[in-house]
Amino acid sequence: MTSTALYTACFEQDSLAQHEAYTTLWHMLYRVAYAMLHAYPDGDAITTDCTQKALIKIHRNIGQCQNPATFREWCMQIVRRTVLDELRRPEHRRRASMPDAEHGPWAAPIETLQLDDLRGILTEVIDAGPLSARSRRVVVGRYFSEQNDDLLAQTESELAQKPVLASHIQVTRAKNLAALRRDPALIARLREFVEEG
């Protein structure tokens, strides 16, 4: 189902069609949250909580999605922010900083927390960086929203109202990554992250 079709289905008057749309959303959001949380103690429960919170936010604010063709990306951003907000809660930070008897202080929860923090920093810097809106969608969609090149090409085709091939997406992403590697703001923020860690 395309982003536009999923967005439209969320507004269906037919309750079965709307239910199916939100069920599709649930599974999509759950996969993203689980990828970020599976290494945590009670990761399954926290994943379910974050997915539910994200789904409620999407339902309440769906009118704020300005472009149905980027609806999936918009939903992915909401679930990622929801997870990062959850991980900033004191009980998760405390748990993440507790030494693990078998592996010492650098056990999986700390590594996962650092990876999630890094993912959040990268997303913020990319959003504020030198890339165009399309370039941001291509980079964030592939590396943070787990969208393949065919899906990204379909979204860009809908937005541009002309065919965009998966190979175009690959070329765009390669150029974008080269630009990001030279971005002084990104380099500075990563340096801060390493020094803080």
N, C-alpha and C. Protein backbone atom coordinates (compact mmCIF):
# COMPACT_ATOMS: atom_id res chain seq x y z
N MET A 1 0.84 -1.19 0.00
CA MET A 1 0.00 0.00 0.00
C MET A 1 0.88 1.25 0.00
N THR A 2 0.62 2.17 -0.90
CA THR A 2 1.42 3.40 -0.97
C THR A 2 1.11 4.29 0.22
N SER A 3 1.98 5.28 0.45
CA SER A 3 1.74 6.24 1.52
C SER A 3 0.40 6.95 1.33
N THR A 4 0.13 7.36 0.10
CA THR A 4 -1.10 8.08 -0.18
C THR A 4 -2.32 7.21 0.08
N ALA A 5 -2.27 5.95 -0.35
CA ALA A 5 -3.39 5.03 -0.13
C ALA A 5 -3.60 4.77 1.36
N LEU A 6 -2.51 4.62 2.10
CA LEU A 6 -2.61 4.39 3.54
C LEU A 6 -3.21 5.61 4.24
N TYR A 7 -2.74 6.78 3.86
CA TYR A 7 -3.28 8.03 4.41
C TYR A 7 -4.78 8.14 4.15
N THR A 8 -5.19 7.89 2.92
CA THR A 8 -6.60 7.98 2.55
C THR A 8 -7.43 6.95 3.32
N ALA A 9 -6.90 5.74 3.46
CA ALA A 9 -7.63 4.68 4.16
C ALA A 9 -7.87 5.01 5.63
N CYS A 10 -6.98 5.80 6.21
CA CYS A 10 -7.15 6.20 7.62
C CYS A 10 -8.38 7.08 7.82
N PHE A 11 -8.87 7.69 6.74
CA PHE A 11 -10.04 8.56 6.80
C PHE A 11 -11.32 7.86 6.33
N GLU A 12 -11.21 6.61 5.93
CA GLU A 12 -12.37 5.89 5.36
C GLU A 12 -13.55 5.89 6.33
N GLN A 13 -14.74 6.09 5.77
CA GLN A 13 -15.96 6.01 6.57
C GLN A 13 -16.28 4.55 6.90
N ASP A 14 -15.86 3.66 6.01
CA ASP A 14 -16.03 2.23 6.23
C ASP A 14 -15.10 1.81 7.37
N SER A 15 -15.68 1.42 8.49
CA SER A 15 -14.87 1.16 9.68
C SER A 15 -13.90 -0.01 9.48
N LEU A 16 -14.27 -0.99 8.65
CA LEU A 16 -13.38 -2.12 8.39
C LEU A 16 -12.13 -1.66 7.64
N ALA A 17 -12.32 -0.82 6.61
CA ALA A 17 -11.18 -0.31 5.83
C ALA A 17 -10.28 0.54 6.71
N GLN A 18 -10.88 1.37 7.56
CA GLN A 18 -10.09 2.21 8.46
C GLN A 18 -9.34 1.34 9.47
N HIS A 19 -10.01 0.31 9.99
CA HIS A 19 -9.36 -0.60 10.93
C HIS A 19 -8.16 -1.28 10.29
N GLU A 20 -8.31 -1.71 9.04
CA GLU A 20 -7.20 -2.36 8.33
C GLU A 20 -6.04 -1.39 8.13
N ALA A 21 -6.35 -0.11 7.85
CA ALA A 21 -5.30 0.89 7.66
C ALA A 21 -4.51 1.08 8.96
N TYR A 22 -5.22 1.18 10.07
CA TYR A 22 -4.53 1.37 11.35
C TYR A 22 -3.80 0.11 11.81
N THR A 23 -4.29 -1.04 11.41
CA THR A 23 -3.57 -2.28 11.71
C THR A 23 -2.26 -2.32 10.92
N THR A 24 -2.31 -1.91 9.66
CA THR A 24 -1.09 -1.82 8.85
C THR A 24 -0.10 -0.85 9.49
N LEU A 25 -0.62 0.30 9.92
CA LEU A 25 0.23 1.29 10.60
C LEU A 25 0.85 0.71 11.85
N TRP A 26 0.05 0.00 12.65
CA TRP A 26 0.54 -0.60 13.90
C TRP A 26 1.76 -1.48 13.63
N HIS A 27 1.65 -2.37 12.65
CA HIS A 27 2.75 -3.29 12.36
C HIS A 27 3.99 -2.54 11.88
N MET A 28 3.79 -1.52 11.07
CA MET A 28 4.90 -0.71 10.56
C MET A 28 5.61 0.00 11.72
N LEU A 29 4.83 0.63 12.60
CA LEU A 29 5.40 1.36 13.73
C LEU A 29 6.08 0.40 14.70
N TYR A 30 5.47 -0.75 14.93
CA TYR A 30 6.03 -1.72 15.86
C TYR A 30 7.42 -2.17 15.41
N ARG A 31 7.58 -2.42 14.10
CA ARG A 31 8.90 -2.86 13.59
C ARG A 31 9.98 -1.82 13.87
N VAL A 32 9.64 -0.55 13.66
CA VAL A 32 10.62 0.52 13.90
C VAL A 32 10.96 0.61 15.39
N ALA A 33 9.93 0.60 16.24
CA ALA A 33 10.16 0.70 17.68
C ALA A 33 10.94 -0.51 18.18
N TYR A 34 10.60 -1.69 17.69
CA TYR A 34 11.29 -2.91 18.13
C TYR A 34 12.77 -2.88 17.76
N ALA A 35 13.06 -2.38 16.56
CA ALA A 35 14.47 -2.28 16.13
C ALA A 35 15.28 -1.41 17.08
N MET A 36 14.63 -0.40 17.67
CA MET A 36 15.32 0.51 18.58
C MET A 36 15.36 -0.01 20.02
N LEU A 37 14.44 -0.91 20.38
CA LEU A 37 14.26 -1.26 21.79
C LEU A 37 14.51 -2.72 22.14
N HIS A 38 14.69 -3.59 21.16
CA HIS A 38 14.71 -5.02 21.46
C HIS A 38 15.80 -5.45 22.44
N ALA A 39 16.90 -4.71 22.52
CA ALA A 39 18.00 -5.10 23.41
C ALA A 39 17.79 -4.67 24.86
N TYR A 40 16.75 -3.90 25.11
CA TYR A 40 16.49 -3.41 26.47
C TYR A 40 15.77 -4.46 27.29
N PRO A 41 16.01 -4.44 28.62
CA PRO A 41 15.16 -5.26 29.49
C PRO A 41 13.70 -4.80 29.29
N ASP A 42 12.78 -5.71 29.21
CA ASP A 42 11.36 -5.41 28.95
C ASP A 42 11.18 -4.71 27.61
N GLY A 43 12.07 -4.97 26.67
CA GLY A 43 12.00 -4.32 25.36
C GLY A 43 10.68 -4.53 24.64
N ASP A 44 10.12 -5.74 24.76
CA ASP A 44 8.84 -6.02 24.09
C ASP A 44 7.73 -5.15 24.65
N ALA A 45 7.69 -5.04 25.97
CA ALA A 45 6.63 -4.24 26.61
C ALA A 45 6.79 -2.76 26.26
N ILE A 46 8.02 -2.27 26.29
CA ILE A 46 8.26 -0.85 25.97
C ILE A 46 7.93 -0.60 24.50
N THR A 47 8.26 -1.55 23.63
CA THR A 47 7.95 -1.42 22.21
C THR A 47 6.44 -1.29 22.00
N THR A 48 5.68 -2.14 22.67
CA THR A 48 4.22 -2.09 22.55
C THR A 48 3.69 -0.76 23.05
N ASP A 49 4.21 -0.29 24.18
CA ASP A 49 3.80 1.01 24.74
C ASP A 49 4.07 2.15 23.76
N CYS A 50 5.29 2.18 23.24
CA CYS A 50 5.69 3.26 22.32
C CYS A 50 4.88 3.22 21.03
N THR A 51 4.61 2.01 20.55
CA THR A 51 3.81 1.87 19.33
C THR A 51 2.41 2.41 19.56
N GLN A 52 1.83 2.06 20.71
CA GLN A 52 0.48 2.54 21.02
C GLN A 52 0.46 4.07 21.14
N LYS A 53 1.44 4.63 21.84
CA LYS A 53 1.51 6.10 21.99
C LYS A 53 1.66 6.78 20.63
N ALA A 54 2.52 6.21 19.78
CA ALA A 54 2.74 6.80 18.45
C ALA A 54 1.47 6.73 17.61
N LEU A 55 0.76 5.61 17.70
CA LEU A 55 -0.47 5.45 16.92
C LEU A 55 -1.53 6.47 17.37
N ILE A 56 -1.61 6.71 18.66
CA ILE A 56 -2.55 7.71 19.18
C ILE A 56 -2.17 9.10 18.68
N LYS A 57 -0.86 9.42 18.72
CA LYS A 57 -0.40 10.73 18.23
C LYS A 57 -0.74 10.89 16.75
N ILE A 58 -0.54 9.84 15.98
CA ILE A 58 -0.83 9.90 14.54
C ILE A 58 -2.33 10.12 14.33
N HIS A 59 -3.15 9.37 15.05
CA HIS A 59 -4.61 9.50 14.90
C HIS A 59 -5.07 10.92 15.24
N ARG A 60 -4.53 11.46 16.32
CA ARG A 60 -4.94 12.81 16.77
C ARG A 60 -4.43 13.91 15.84
N ASN A 61 -3.27 13.70 15.24
CA ASN A 61 -2.62 14.78 14.47
C ASN A 61 -2.51 14.51 12.98
N ILE A 62 -3.26 13.55 12.48
CA ILE A 62 -3.11 13.14 11.07
C ILE A 62 -3.31 14.31 10.11
N GLY A 63 -4.12 15.27 10.50
CA GLY A 63 -4.34 16.44 9.66
C GLY A 63 -3.10 17.30 9.48
N GLN A 64 -2.09 17.12 10.34
CA GLN A 64 -0.86 17.89 10.24
C GLN A 64 0.11 17.34 9.19
N CYS A 65 -0.17 16.12 8.70
CA CYS A 65 0.66 15.57 7.62
C CYS A 65 0.28 16.32 6.35
N GLN A 66 1.18 17.14 5.88
CA GLN A 66 0.87 18.04 4.78
C GLN A 66 0.92 17.38 3.41
N ASN A 67 1.56 16.22 3.32
CA ASN A 67 1.66 15.57 2.03
C ASN A 67 1.39 14.07 2.19
N PRO A 68 0.24 13.59 1.72
CA PRO A 68 -0.07 12.16 1.85
C PRO A 68 0.99 11.24 1.26
N ALA A 69 1.74 11.70 0.26
CA ALA A 69 2.78 10.86 -0.36
C ALA A 69 3.94 10.59 0.59
N THR A 70 4.07 11.41 1.64
CA THR A 70 5.15 11.19 2.63
C THR A 70 4.57 10.75 3.98
N PHE A 71 3.34 10.23 3.97
CA PHE A 71 2.67 9.85 5.21
C PHE A 71 3.45 8.80 6.00
N ARG A 72 3.97 7.78 5.30
CA ARG A 72 4.74 6.74 6.01
C ARG A 72 5.95 7.36 6.71
N GLU A 73 6.68 8.21 6.01
CA GLU A 73 7.85 8.87 6.58
C GLU A 73 7.44 9.70 7.81
N TRP A 74 6.33 10.43 7.68
CA TRP A 74 5.82 11.25 8.78
C TRP A 74 5.51 10.37 10.01
N CYS A 75 4.88 9.23 9.77
CA CYS A 75 4.56 8.30 10.86
C CYS A 75 5.83 7.73 11.50
N MET A 76 6.82 7.40 10.67
CA MET A 76 8.09 6.86 11.18
C MET A 76 8.79 7.88 12.09
N GLN A 77 8.74 9.14 11.71
CA GLN A 77 9.36 10.18 12.55
C GLN A 77 8.66 10.24 13.90
N ILE A 78 7.34 10.11 13.91
CA ILE A 78 6.60 10.17 15.16
C ILE A 78 6.98 9.00 16.06
N VAL A 79 7.05 7.80 15.52
CA VAL A 79 7.38 6.65 16.37
C VAL A 79 8.84 6.75 16.86
N ARG A 80 9.76 7.21 16.02
CA ARG A 80 11.15 7.36 16.48
C ARG A 80 11.25 8.37 17.61
N ARG A 81 10.56 9.50 17.46
CA ARG A 81 10.58 10.51 18.53
C ARG A 81 9.95 9.97 19.81
N THR A 82 8.89 9.20 19.66
CA THR A 82 8.22 8.62 20.83
C THR A 82 9.17 7.69 21.57
N VAL A 83 9.90 6.86 20.83
CA VAL A 83 10.87 5.95 21.45
C VAL A 83 11.99 6.74 22.13
N LEU A 84 12.53 7.73 21.44
CA LEU A 84 13.62 8.52 22.03
C LEU A 84 13.15 9.26 23.29
N ASP A 85 11.91 9.77 23.28
CA ASP A 85 11.37 10.40 24.49
C ASP A 85 11.27 9.40 25.63
N GLU A 86 10.85 8.19 25.29
CA GLU A 86 10.74 7.13 26.31
C GLU A 86 12.11 6.79 26.89
N LEU A 87 13.13 6.72 26.03
CA LEU A 87 14.47 6.36 26.49
C LEU A 87 15.11 7.46 27.34
N ARG A 88 14.60 8.68 27.20
CA ARG A 88 15.13 9.78 28.02
C ARG A 88 14.53 9.79 29.42
N ARG A 89 13.51 8.98 29.65
CA ARG A 89 12.89 8.93 30.98
C ARG A 89 13.92 8.40 31.98
N PRO A 90 13.92 8.94 33.21
CA PRO A 90 14.95 8.58 34.20
C PRO A 90 15.09 7.08 34.44
N GLU A 91 13.98 6.34 34.49
CA GLU A 91 14.09 4.91 34.81
C GLU A 91 14.85 4.15 33.73
N HIS A 92 14.75 4.57 32.46
CA HIS A 92 15.48 3.89 31.40
C HIS A 92 16.95 4.28 31.41
N ARG A 93 17.24 5.54 31.71
CA ARG A 93 18.64 5.97 31.80
C ARG A 93 19.34 5.27 32.96
N ARG A 94 18.62 5.16 34.09
CA ARG A 94 19.19 4.47 35.25
C ARG A 94 19.49 3.02 34.91
N ARG A 95 18.53 2.35 34.31
CA ARG A 95 18.69 0.95 33.96
C ARG A 95 19.83 0.77 32.97
N ALA A 96 19.94 1.69 32.02
CA ALA A 96 20.98 1.58 31.00
C ALA A 96 22.37 1.79 31.58
N SER A 97 22.47 2.55 32.67
CA SER A 97 23.79 2.85 33.22
C SER A 97 24.23 1.84 34.29
N MET A 98 23.35 0.87 34.64
CA MET A 98 23.71 -0.12 35.64
C MET A 98 24.65 -1.16 35.04
N PRO A 99 25.75 -1.51 35.74
CA PRO A 99 26.67 -2.49 35.19
C PRO A 99 25.99 -3.85 35.04
N ASP A 100 26.35 -4.57 34.04
CA ASP A 100 25.86 -5.91 33.80
C ASP A 100 26.87 -6.88 34.40
N ALA A 101 26.41 -7.84 35.18
CA ALA A 101 27.31 -8.73 35.90
C ALA A 101 28.23 -9.51 34.95
N GLU A 102 27.70 -9.89 33.81
CA GLU A 102 28.48 -10.72 32.90
C GLU A 102 29.40 -9.91 32.00
N HIS A 103 28.93 -8.74 31.55
CA HIS A 103 29.69 -7.99 30.55
C HIS A 103 30.29 -6.69 31.07
N GLY A 104 30.06 -6.35 32.32
CA GLY A 104 30.61 -5.12 32.86
C GLY A 104 29.80 -3.91 32.44
N PRO A 105 30.36 -2.71 32.63
CA PRO A 105 29.59 -1.50 32.41
C PRO A 105 29.23 -1.22 30.97
N TRP A 106 29.86 -1.90 29.99
CA TRP A 106 29.54 -1.63 28.59
C TRP A 106 28.63 -2.71 28.02
N ALA A 107 27.65 -3.11 28.78
CA ALA A 107 26.68 -4.12 28.34
C ALA A 107 25.76 -3.55 27.27
N ALA A 108 24.95 -4.40 26.69
CA ALA A 108 24.09 -4.01 25.56
C ALA A 108 23.19 -2.81 25.82
N PRO A 109 22.57 -2.66 27.03
CA PRO A 109 21.68 -1.50 27.18
C PRO A 109 22.38 -0.17 26.96
N ILE A 110 23.63 -0.03 27.43
CA ILE A 110 24.36 1.22 27.24
C ILE A 110 24.65 1.42 25.76
N GLU A 111 25.11 0.35 25.10
CA GLU A 111 25.43 0.47 23.68
C GLU A 111 24.19 0.85 22.89
N THR A 112 23.05 0.26 23.24
CA THR A 112 21.81 0.56 22.53
C THR A 112 21.39 2.00 22.78
N LEU A 113 21.53 2.44 24.03
CA LEU A 113 21.17 3.82 24.35
C LEU A 113 22.04 4.77 23.54
N GLN A 114 23.34 4.50 23.46
CA GLN A 114 24.21 5.38 22.70
C GLN A 114 23.85 5.36 21.22
N LEU A 115 23.51 4.17 20.69
CA LEU A 115 23.12 4.09 19.29
C LEU A 115 21.85 4.87 19.04
N ASP A 116 20.87 4.76 19.95
CA ASP A 116 19.61 5.50 19.79
C ASP A 116 19.84 7.00 19.91
N ASP A 117 20.71 7.41 20.85
CA ASP A 117 21.03 8.83 20.97
C ASP A 117 21.70 9.33 19.68
N LEU A 118 22.63 8.52 19.16
CA LEU A 118 23.32 8.89 17.93
C LEU A 118 22.33 9.00 16.78
N ARG A 119 21.39 8.05 16.69
CA ARG A 119 20.37 8.09 15.64
C ARG A 119 19.56 9.38 15.74
N GLY A 120 19.19 9.77 16.96
CA GLY A 120 18.45 11.01 17.17
C GLY A 120 19.24 12.23 16.75
N ILE A 121 20.52 12.26 17.13
CA ILE A 121 21.39 13.39 16.77
C ILE A 121 21.52 13.48 15.25
N LEU A 122 21.78 12.34 14.61
CA LEU A 122 21.95 12.34 13.15
C LEU A 122 20.68 12.83 12.45
N THR A 123 19.52 12.38 12.93
CA THR A 123 18.26 12.82 12.32
C THR A 123 18.09 14.32 12.46
N GLU A 124 18.38 14.85 13.66
CA GLU A 124 18.24 16.30 13.88
C GLU A 124 19.20 17.09 12.98
N VAL A 125 20.45 16.63 12.89
CA VAL A 125 21.44 17.36 12.10
C VAL A 125 21.10 17.27 10.61
N ILE A 126 20.65 16.10 10.17
CA ILE A 126 20.26 15.96 8.76
C ILE A 126 19.09 16.88 8.45
N ASP A 127 18.11 16.93 9.36
CA ASP A 127 16.95 17.81 9.15
C ASP A 127 17.36 19.27 9.03
N ALA A 128 18.39 19.67 9.78
CA ALA A 128 18.82 21.07 9.78
C ALA A 128 19.98 21.32 8.82
N GLY A 129 20.44 20.28 8.15
CA GLY A 129 21.66 20.38 7.35
C GLY A 129 21.47 20.93 5.95
N PRO A 130 22.48 20.72 5.10
CA PRO A 130 22.52 21.35 3.78
C PRO A 130 21.69 20.63 2.72
N LEU A 131 21.00 19.55 3.07
CA LEU A 131 20.30 18.76 2.07
C LEU A 131 18.93 19.34 1.73
N SER A 132 18.50 19.08 0.52
CA SER A 132 17.14 19.47 0.11
C SER A 132 16.14 18.55 0.78
N ALA A 133 14.86 18.90 0.70
CA ALA A 133 13.81 18.08 1.31
C ALA A 133 13.83 16.67 0.72
N ARG A 134 13.99 16.57 -0.59
CA ARG A 134 14.03 15.24 -1.23
C ARG A 134 15.24 14.45 -0.74
N SER A 135 16.37 15.10 -0.65
CA SER A 135 17.58 14.41 -0.19
C SER A 135 17.42 13.91 1.23
N ARG A 136 16.81 14.72 2.08
CA ARG A 136 16.56 14.29 3.47
C ARG A 136 15.65 13.06 3.49
N ARG A 137 14.60 13.09 2.66
CA ARG A 137 13.68 11.95 2.63
C ARG A 137 14.41 10.67 2.20
N VAL A 138 15.31 10.81 1.23
CA VAL A 138 16.04 9.65 0.71
C VAL A 138 16.98 9.08 1.76
N VAL A 139 17.71 9.94 2.46
CA VAL A 139 18.67 9.46 3.47
C VAL A 139 17.94 8.93 4.70
N VAL A 140 17.03 9.73 5.24
CA VAL A 140 16.30 9.32 6.45
C VAL A 140 15.43 8.10 6.16
N GLY A 141 14.79 8.09 5.00
CA GLY A 141 13.92 6.97 4.65
C GLY A 141 14.68 5.65 4.60
N ARG A 142 15.88 5.67 4.04
CA ARG A 142 16.65 4.42 3.89
C ARG A 142 17.29 3.97 5.20
N TYR A 143 17.92 4.91 5.91
CA TYR A 143 18.72 4.51 7.06
C TYR A 143 17.99 4.56 8.39
N PHE A 144 16.91 5.32 8.48
CA PHE A 144 16.21 5.45 9.76
C PHE A 144 14.78 4.94 9.72
N SER A 145 14.19 4.84 8.53
CA SER A 145 12.81 4.37 8.42
C SER A 145 12.71 3.02 7.73
N GLU A 146 13.84 2.44 7.41
CA GLU A 146 13.91 1.10 6.84
C GLU A 146 13.08 0.97 5.56
N GLN A 147 13.08 2.02 4.72
CA GLN A 147 12.38 1.96 3.44
C GLN A 147 13.37 1.56 2.36
N ASN A 148 12.95 0.63 1.49
CA ASN A 148 13.87 0.23 0.42
C ASN A 148 13.81 1.24 -0.72
N ASP A 149 14.72 1.11 -1.67
CA ASP A 149 14.84 2.08 -2.75
C ASP A 149 13.59 2.12 -3.65
N ASP A 150 12.94 0.98 -3.82
CA ASP A 150 11.73 0.95 -4.64
C ASP A 150 10.61 1.77 -3.99
N LEU A 151 10.46 1.63 -2.68
CA LEU A 151 9.43 2.40 -1.97
C LEU A 151 9.76 3.90 -2.00
N LEU A 152 11.03 4.22 -1.80
CA LEU A 152 11.46 5.62 -1.86
C LEU A 152 11.24 6.20 -3.26
N ALA A 153 11.52 5.41 -4.27
CA ALA A 153 11.32 5.87 -5.66
C ALA A 153 9.83 6.11 -5.93
N GLN A 154 9.00 5.23 -5.39
CA GLN A 154 7.55 5.39 -5.57
C GLN A 154 7.07 6.69 -4.91
N THR A 155 7.54 6.94 -3.68
CA THR A 155 7.16 8.17 -2.98
C THR A 155 7.60 9.41 -3.76
N GLU A 156 8.86 9.39 -4.24
CA GLU A 156 9.37 10.54 -4.98
C GLU A 156 8.66 10.72 -6.32
N SER A 157 8.26 9.61 -6.93
CA SER A 157 7.50 9.69 -8.19
C SER A 157 6.16 10.37 -7.94
N GLU A 158 5.50 10.00 -6.84
CA GLU A 158 4.21 10.62 -6.50
C GLU A 158 4.38 12.11 -6.23
N LEU A 159 5.44 12.46 -5.51
CA LEU A 159 5.67 13.87 -5.18
C LEU A 159 6.02 14.69 -6.42
N ALA A 160 6.88 14.15 -7.27
CA ALA A 160 7.34 14.90 -8.44
C ALA A 160 6.35 14.80 -9.60
N GLN A 161 5.42 13.87 -9.49
CA GLN A 161 4.45 13.60 -10.56
C GLN A 161 5.15 13.25 -11.88
N LYS A 162 6.26 12.55 -11.74
CA LYS A 162 6.96 12.00 -12.90
C LYS A 162 7.78 10.81 -12.40
N PRO A 163 8.15 9.90 -13.28
CA PRO A 163 8.84 8.68 -12.83
C PRO A 163 10.21 8.98 -12.20
N VAL A 164 10.43 8.38 -11.05
CA VAL A 164 11.75 8.40 -10.40
C VAL A 164 12.12 6.94 -10.19
N LEU A 165 13.27 6.53 -10.70
CA LEU A 165 13.71 5.14 -10.60
C LEU A 165 14.50 4.90 -9.32
N ALA A 166 14.54 3.64 -8.92
CA ALA A 166 15.34 3.27 -7.75
C ALA A 166 16.81 3.64 -7.95
N SER A 167 17.30 3.55 -9.18
CA SER A 167 18.70 3.93 -9.46
C SER A 167 18.92 5.42 -9.21
N HIS A 168 17.90 6.25 -9.48
CA HIS A 168 18.02 7.69 -9.18
C HIS A 168 18.15 7.90 -7.68
N ILE A 169 17.40 7.11 -6.92
CA ILE A 169 17.46 7.20 -5.45
C ILE A 169 18.86 6.86 -4.97
N GLN A 170 19.45 5.81 -5.54
CA GLN A 170 20.79 5.38 -5.13
C GLN A 170 21.84 6.46 -5.42
N VAL A 171 21.74 7.08 -6.59
CA VAL A 171 22.69 8.14 -6.95
C VAL A 171 22.50 9.34 -6.03
N THR A 172 21.24 9.72 -5.79
CA THR A 172 20.95 10.85 -4.89
C THR A 172 21.53 10.59 -3.51
N ARG A 173 21.33 9.37 -3.00
CA ARG A 173 21.82 9.05 -1.65
C ARG A 173 23.34 9.10 -1.58
N ALA A 174 24.02 8.59 -2.61
CA ALA A 174 25.49 8.62 -2.62
C ALA A 174 26.01 10.06 -2.57
N LYS A 175 25.39 10.95 -3.36
CA LYS A 175 25.80 12.36 -3.35
C LYS A 175 25.51 13.00 -1.99
N ASN A 176 24.35 12.65 -1.41
CA ASN A 176 23.97 13.22 -0.12
C ASN A 176 24.92 12.80 0.99
N LEU A 177 25.30 11.54 0.98
CA LEU A 177 26.22 11.06 2.01
C LEU A 177 27.57 11.76 1.90
N ALA A 178 28.00 11.99 0.68
CA ALA A 178 29.27 12.73 0.47
C ALA A 178 29.14 14.15 1.02
N ALA A 179 27.99 14.79 0.79
CA ALA A 179 27.76 16.15 1.30
C ALA A 179 27.73 16.16 2.83
N LEU A 180 27.09 15.13 3.41
CA LEU A 180 27.00 15.07 4.88
C LEU A 180 28.37 14.85 5.51
N ARG A 181 29.21 14.07 4.86
CA ARG A 181 30.56 13.82 5.40
C ARG A 181 31.38 15.11 5.48
N ARG A 182 31.03 16.10 4.63
CA ARG A 182 31.76 17.37 4.64
C ARG A 182 31.03 18.44 5.47
N ASP A 183 29.86 18.12 6.01
CA ASP A 183 29.06 19.12 6.73
C ASP A 183 29.68 19.43 8.09
N PRO A 184 30.15 20.68 8.31
CA PRO A 184 30.82 21.00 9.57
C PRO A 184 29.92 20.84 10.80
N ALA A 185 28.63 21.12 10.65
CA ALA A 185 27.71 20.99 11.79
C ALA A 185 27.59 19.53 12.22
N LEU A 186 27.50 18.64 11.24
CA LEU A 186 27.40 17.22 11.56
C LEU A 186 28.69 16.72 12.20
N ILE A 187 29.82 17.12 11.67
CA ILE A 187 31.11 16.71 12.22
C ILE A 187 31.25 17.20 13.66
N ALA A 188 30.88 18.45 13.90
CA ALA A 188 30.99 19.02 15.26
C ALA A 188 30.07 18.29 16.23
N ARG A 189 28.84 18.00 15.78
CA ARG A 189 27.87 17.33 16.68
C ARG A 189 28.31 15.91 16.99
N LEU A 190 28.88 15.22 16.02
CA LEU A 190 29.38 13.85 16.26
C LEU A 190 30.57 13.88 17.21
N ARG A 191 31.41 14.91 17.06
CA ARG A 191 32.56 15.05 17.97
C ARG A 191 32.07 15.22 19.42
N GLU A 192 31.05 16.08 19.58
CA GLU A 192 30.46 16.28 20.92
C GLU A 192 29.92 14.98 21.47
N PHE A 193 29.23 14.21 20.62
CA PHE A 193 28.64 12.95 21.05
C PHE A 193 29.71 11.99 21.55
N VAL A 194 30.82 11.89 20.81
CA VAL A 194 31.91 11.00 21.19
C VAL A 194 32.54 11.45 22.51
N GLU A 195 32.73 12.78 22.65
CA GLU A 195 33.35 13.29 23.88
C GLU A 195 32.43 13.12 25.09
N GLU A 196 31.13 13.26 24.89
CA GLU A 196 30.17 13.06 25.98
C GLU A 196 30.10 11.60 26.39
N GLY A 197 30.21 10.71 25.36
CA GLY A 197 30.04 9.28 25.59
C GLY A 197 31.22 8.70 26.33
